[in-house]
Amino acid sequence: MPRISIFFGIVIYMYYDEHVPPHFHAIYEGSEAMFDLNGDLLKGAMAPRAVKLVREWANLHKGELEENWERARRNMPLNWIEPLR
């Protein structure tokens, strides 16, 4: 499970061989959630502030997330995405 970013204690992962729709996973304080590439919560639960931060980060990096999704589907190494600051 490749880690693609970390910010404010939130760790972002994108798995290889994943199902559609395109998405990524976030872990924060023991909670895990799945988000679409727009940053909308699809599954799981996380503190509301963490969800807001993940959404903001995803909106800033949507193109990079899309590129990593395609790379993951081709079993290519994923690129690191700058954290939210």
C-alpha atoms as a PDB file:
ATOM      1  CA  MET A   1       0.000   0.000   0.000  1.00  0.00           C
ATOM      2  CA  PRO A   2       2.023   2.941  -1.246  1.00  0.00           C
ATOM      3  CA  ARG A   3       1.932   6.058   0.874  1.00  0.00           C
ATOM      4  CA  ILE A   4       1.576   9.110  -1.367  1.00  0.00           C
ATOM      5  CA  SER A   5       1.334  11.979   1.145  1.00  0.00           C
ATOM      6  CA  ILE A   6       1.281  12.863   4.843  1.00  0.00           C
ATOM      7  CA  PHE A   7      -0.025  16.076   6.423  1.00  0.00           C
ATOM      8  CA  PHE A   8      -1.328  17.074   9.855  1.00  0.00           C
ATOM      9  CA  GLY A   9      -1.175  13.447  11.016  1.00  0.00           C
ATOM     10  CA  ILE A  10      -3.230  12.231   8.041  1.00  0.00           C
ATOM     11  CA  VAL A  11      -1.575   9.516   5.954  1.00  0.00           C
ATOM     12  CA  ILE A  12      -2.758   9.114   2.357  1.00  0.00           C
ATOM     13  CA  TYR A  13      -2.443   5.785   0.524  1.00  0.00           C
ATOM     14  CA  MET A  14      -3.352   4.511  -2.893  1.00  0.00           C
ATOM     15  CA  TYR A  15      -3.427   0.767  -3.474  1.00  0.00           C
ATOM     16  CA  TYR A  16      -2.520  -1.180  -6.594  1.00  0.00           C
ATOM     17  CA  ASP A  17      -5.185  -3.309  -8.339  1.00  0.00           C
ATOM     18  CA  GLU A  18      -8.059  -1.360  -6.819  1.00  0.00           C
ATOM     19  CA  HIS A  19     -11.685  -1.349  -7.887  1.00  0.00           C
ATOM     20  CA  VAL A  20     -13.436   1.604  -9.464  1.00  0.00           C
ATOM     21  CA  PRO A  21     -14.427   4.350  -8.835  1.00  0.00           C
ATOM     22  CA  PRO A  22     -10.986   5.940  -8.614  1.00  0.00           C
ATOM     23  CA  HIS A  23     -10.204   6.623  -4.977  1.00  0.00           C
ATOM     24  CA  PHE A  24      -7.593   6.827  -2.234  1.00  0.00           C
ATOM     25  CA  HIS A  25      -7.478   5.948   1.442  1.00  0.00           C
ATOM     26  CA  ALA A  26      -6.708   8.163   4.425  1.00  0.00           C
ATOM     27  CA  ILE A  27      -5.774   7.098   7.943  1.00  0.00           C
ATOM     28  CA  TYR A  28      -6.008   9.476  10.879  1.00  0.00           C
ATOM     29  CA  GLU A  29      -5.821   8.624  14.594  1.00  0.00           C
ATOM     30  CA  GLY A  30      -6.764   4.980  13.989  1.00  0.00           C
ATOM     31  CA  SER A  31      -9.680   5.759  11.677  1.00  0.00           C
ATOM     32  CA  GLU A  32      -9.583   4.856   7.992  1.00  0.00           C
ATOM     33  CA  ALA A  33     -11.742   6.283   5.234  1.00  0.00           C
ATOM     34  CA  MET A  34     -11.948   6.039   1.463  1.00  0.00           C
ATOM     35  CA  PHE A  35     -12.319   9.186  -0.668  1.00  0.00           C
ATOM     36  CA  ASP A  36     -12.967   9.758  -4.353  1.00  0.00           C
ATOM     37  CA  LEU A  37     -10.471  11.892  -6.260  1.00  0.00           C
ATOM     38  CA  ASN A  38     -12.569  15.006  -5.531  1.00  0.00           C
ATOM     39  CA  GLY A  39     -12.088  14.426  -1.812  1.00  0.00           C
ATOM     40  CA  ASP A  40     -15.641  13.253  -1.152  1.00  0.00           C
ATOM     41  CA  LEU A  41     -15.960  10.621   1.578  1.00  0.00           C
ATOM     42  CA  LEU A  42     -17.062   7.287   0.078  1.00  0.00           C
ATOM     43  CA  LYS A  43     -16.659   4.856   2.948  1.00  0.00           C
ATOM     44  CA  GLY A  44     -15.492   4.805   6.543  1.00  0.00           C
ATOM     45  CA  ALA A  45     -15.395   7.499   9.173  1.00  0.00           C
ATOM     46  CA  MET A  46     -12.961  10.162  10.227  1.00  0.00           C
ATOM     47  CA  ALA A  47     -13.003  13.287  12.372  1.00  0.00           C
ATOM     48  CA  PRO A  48     -14.849  16.095  10.533  1.00  0.00           C
ATOM     49  CA  ARG A  49     -11.785  18.367  10.606  1.00  0.00           C
ATOM     50  CA  ALA A  50      -9.653  15.612   9.017  1.00  0.00           C
ATOM     51  CA  VAL A  51     -12.294  15.056   6.310  1.00  0.00           C
ATOM     52  CA  LYS A  52     -12.226  18.795   5.559  1.00  0.00           C
ATOM     53  CA  LEU A  53      -8.413  18.768   5.285  1.00  0.00           C
ATOM     54  CA  VAL A  54      -8.426  15.701   3.018  1.00  0.00           C
ATOM     55  CA  ARG A  55     -11.032  17.341   0.773  1.00  0.00           C
ATOM     56  CA  GLU A  56      -8.981  20.547   0.554  1.00  0.00           C
ATOM     57  CA  TRP A  57      -5.804  18.577  -0.268  1.00  0.00           C
ATOM     58  CA  ALA A  58      -7.586  16.463  -2.915  1.00  0.00           C
ATOM     59  CA  ASN A  59      -8.993  19.565  -4.609  1.00  0.00           C
ATOM     60  CA  LEU A  60      -5.489  21.045  -4.838  1.00  0.00           C
ATOM     61  CA  HIS A  61      -3.995  17.852  -6.260  1.00  0.00           C
ATOM     62  CA  LYS A  62      -6.763  16.261  -8.337  1.00  0.00           C
ATOM     63  CA  GLY A  63      -4.614  15.992 -11.479  1.00  0.00           C
ATOM     64  CA  GLU A  64      -1.819  14.299  -9.550  1.00  0.00           C
ATOM     65  CA  LEU A  65      -4.306  11.908  -7.944  1.00  0.00           C
ATOM     66  CA  GLU A  66      -5.692  11.006 -11.371  1.00  0.00           C
ATOM     67  CA  GLU A  67      -2.169  10.397 -12.646  1.00  0.00           C
ATOM     68  CA  ASN A  68      -1.341   8.174  -9.669  1.00  0.00           C
ATOM     69  CA  TRP A  69      -4.583   6.243 -10.156  1.00  0.00           C
ATOM     70  CA  GLU A  70      -3.576   5.458 -13.746  1.00  0.00           C
ATOM     71  CA  ARG A  71      -0.040   4.565 -12.643  1.00  0.00           C
ATOM     72  CA  ALA A  72      -1.408   2.200  -9.973  1.00  0.00           C
ATOM     73  CA  ARG A  73      -3.639   0.463 -12.518  1.00  0.00           C
ATOM     74  CA  ARG A  74      -0.527  -0.130 -14.661  1.00  0.00           C
ATOM     75  CA  ASN A  75       1.499  -1.347 -11.636  1.00  0.00           C
ATOM     76  CA  MET A  76       3.890   1.578 -11.985  1.00  0.00           C
ATOM     77  CA  PRO A  77       5.504   3.360  -9.017  1.00  0.00           C
ATOM     78  CA  LEU A  78       3.325   6.108  -7.592  1.00  0.00           C
ATOM     79  CA  ASN A  79       4.456   9.686  -7.291  1.00  0.00           C
ATOM     80  CA  TRP A  80       4.687  11.536  -3.991  1.00  0.00           C
ATOM     81  CA  ILE A  81       2.130  14.368  -3.728  1.00  0.00           C
ATOM     82  CA  GLU A  82       3.016  17.483  -1.758  1.00  0.00           C
ATOM     83  CA  PRO A  83       1.291  17.718   1.623  1.00  0.00           C
ATOM     84  CA  LEU A  84      -1.207  20.353   2.622  1.00  0.00           C
ATOM     85  CA  ARG A  85       0.502  23.265   4.375  1.00  0.00           C
END
